[in-house]
Amino acid sequence: MNTIDSKDTNHVAVIGAGYWGRNLVRNFHQIGALKAICDGSPSIRDQMGAAYPDTTLTGDYNSVLDDPDINAVVIAAPAALSWSGKIRQVHKCGNCSIRTHRRNAHEQKTQT
């Protein structure tokens, strides 16, 4: 596994660690960039805490936005939440870029 030198690393927070988010969490952790995981579900936070004990866990997205060590935020939220007032606030935080990903019909049917 390759890791990035910490002085050159973006410190990434993933908001939403469910269906797609868990894969993003894994990938950012593997390259040494994962700093925080934010999810509203206590059971998902418990699962992520067991898998990534060296990562900050929170259910409060404001703590992610307020953390000066986090310089990138990835949002993996269901489409219904993607442009809610909370997610729009993330876009207004400054240095951020938002891309959306729409799941295909098969992924939507198999989501748990």
Protein backbone atom coordinates (compact mmCIF):
# COMPACT_ATOMS: atom_id res chain seq x y z
CA MET A 1 0.00 0.00 0.00
CA ASN A 2 1.33 3.42 -0.95
CA THR A 3 0.83 6.33 1.38
CA ILE A 4 1.33 10.01 0.79
CA ASP A 5 3.74 11.97 2.96
CA SER A 6 1.59 13.74 5.58
CA LYS A 7 2.96 17.20 4.78
CA ASP A 8 1.70 16.80 1.19
CA THR A 9 -1.58 15.15 2.06
CA ASN A 10 -4.99 16.60 1.62
CA HIS A 11 -6.90 15.87 4.79
CA VAL A 12 -10.22 14.59 3.53
CA ALA A 13 -13.53 14.27 5.33
CA VAL A 14 -16.24 12.05 3.89
CA ILE A 15 -19.81 13.09 4.66
CA GLY A 16 -22.01 10.04 4.28
CA ALA A 17 -20.51 6.59 4.82
CA GLY A 18 -23.35 4.44 3.51
CA TYR A 19 -23.73 2.80 0.11
CA TRP A 20 -21.14 4.81 -1.86
CA GLY A 21 -19.48 6.56 1.03
CA ARG A 22 -17.97 3.43 2.55
CA ASN A 23 -16.01 2.88 -0.68
CA LEU A 24 -14.78 6.46 -0.69
CA VAL A 25 -13.77 6.12 2.97
CA ARG A 26 -11.80 2.97 2.18
CA ASN A 27 -10.04 4.55 -0.80
CA PHE A 28 -9.06 7.75 1.00
CA HIS A 29 -7.87 5.71 3.99
CA GLN A 30 -5.72 3.52 1.73
CA ILE A 31 -3.87 6.53 0.34
CA GLY A 32 -3.43 8.08 3.78
CA ALA A 33 -5.69 11.08 3.20
CA LEU A 34 -8.71 10.26 5.38
CA LYS A 35 -9.10 12.60 8.37
CA ALA A 36 -12.79 12.35 9.30
CA ILE A 37 -16.00 10.49 8.64
CA CYS A 38 -19.35 12.17 9.17
CA ASP A 39 -22.59 10.21 9.13
CA GLY A 40 -25.92 10.74 10.83
CA SER A 41 -26.36 7.06 11.60
CA PRO A 42 -24.88 5.88 14.91
CA SER A 43 -24.65 2.31 13.60
CA ILE A 44 -22.66 3.43 10.54
CA ARG A 45 -20.37 5.48 12.78
CA ASP A 46 -19.85 2.39 14.95
CA GLN A 47 -18.95 0.30 11.88
CA MET A 48 -16.56 2.95 10.60
CA GLY A 49 -14.99 3.37 14.03
CA ALA A 50 -14.26 -0.35 14.20
CA ALA A 51 -12.74 -0.36 10.71
CA TYR A 52 -10.89 2.97 10.94
CA PRO A 53 -10.02 3.59 14.61
CA ASP A 54 -7.46 6.29 13.73
CA THR A 55 -10.11 8.47 12.05
CA THR A 56 -12.29 11.18 13.59
CA LEU A 57 -15.98 10.20 13.63
CA THR A 58 -18.87 12.60 13.93
CA GLY A 59 -22.55 12.95 13.23
CA ASP A 60 -22.23 16.74 12.98
CA TYR A 61 -21.17 18.06 9.60
CA ASN A 62 -20.41 21.46 11.15
CA SER A 63 -17.51 19.92 13.05
CA VAL A 64 -16.09 18.81 9.69
CA LEU A 65 -16.48 22.27 8.19
CA ASP A 66 -14.98 23.93 11.28
CA ASP A 67 -11.90 21.66 11.44
CA PRO A 68 -8.94 23.70 10.16
CA ASP A 69 -7.01 20.50 9.35
CA ILE A 70 -9.61 19.37 6.81
CA ASN A 71 -9.04 20.86 3.40
CA ALA A 72 -11.26 18.63 1.25
CA VAL A 73 -14.79 17.36 1.80
CA VAL A 74 -16.39 14.54 -0.16
CA ILE A 75 -20.16 14.26 0.03
CA ALA A 76 -21.72 10.85 -0.52
CA ALA A 77 -25.35 11.61 0.23
CA PRO A 78 -28.58 10.34 -1.32
CA ALA A 79 -29.88 12.50 -4.15
CA ALA A 80 -32.70 13.79 -1.97
CA LEU A 81 -30.15 15.35 0.39
CA SER A 82 -27.52 16.42 -2.12
CA TRP A 83 -28.75 19.98 -2.50
CA SER A 84 -30.52 20.43 0.81
CA GLY A 85 -29.71 23.55 2.81
CA LYS A 86 -27.03 21.70 4.76
CA ILE A 87 -25.17 20.51 1.71
CA ARG A 88 -25.43 23.94 0.06
CA GLN A 89 -23.68 25.32 3.14
CA VAL A 90 -20.71 23.05 2.44
CA HIS A 91 -20.49 24.54 -1.05
CA LYS A 92 -20.33 28.04 0.43
CA CYS A 93 -17.41 27.15 2.74
CA GLY A 94 -14.75 28.42 0.36
CA ASN A 95 -12.28 26.19 -1.44
CA CYS A 96 -14.57 23.45 -2.55
CA SER A 97 -15.86 21.96 -5.71
CA ILE A 98 -19.01 19.92 -5.90
CA ARG A 99 -19.55 17.11 -8.37
CA THR A 100 -22.62 14.98 -8.34
CA HIS A 101 -22.86 11.29 -9.10
CA ARG A 102 -26.18 9.78 -9.97
CA ARG A 103 -26.64 6.09 -9.34
CA ASN A 104 -28.00 3.97 -12.12
CA ALA A 105 -31.33 2.14 -11.70
CA HIS A 106 -29.67 -1.11 -10.59
CA GLU A 107 -27.68 0.65 -7.84
CA GLN A 108 -30.80 2.43 -6.61
CA LYS A 109 -32.69 -0.87 -6.35
CA THR A 110 -29.90 -2.62 -4.47
CA GLN A 111 -29.19 0.18 -2.00
CA THR A 112 -29.59 -0.91 1.61
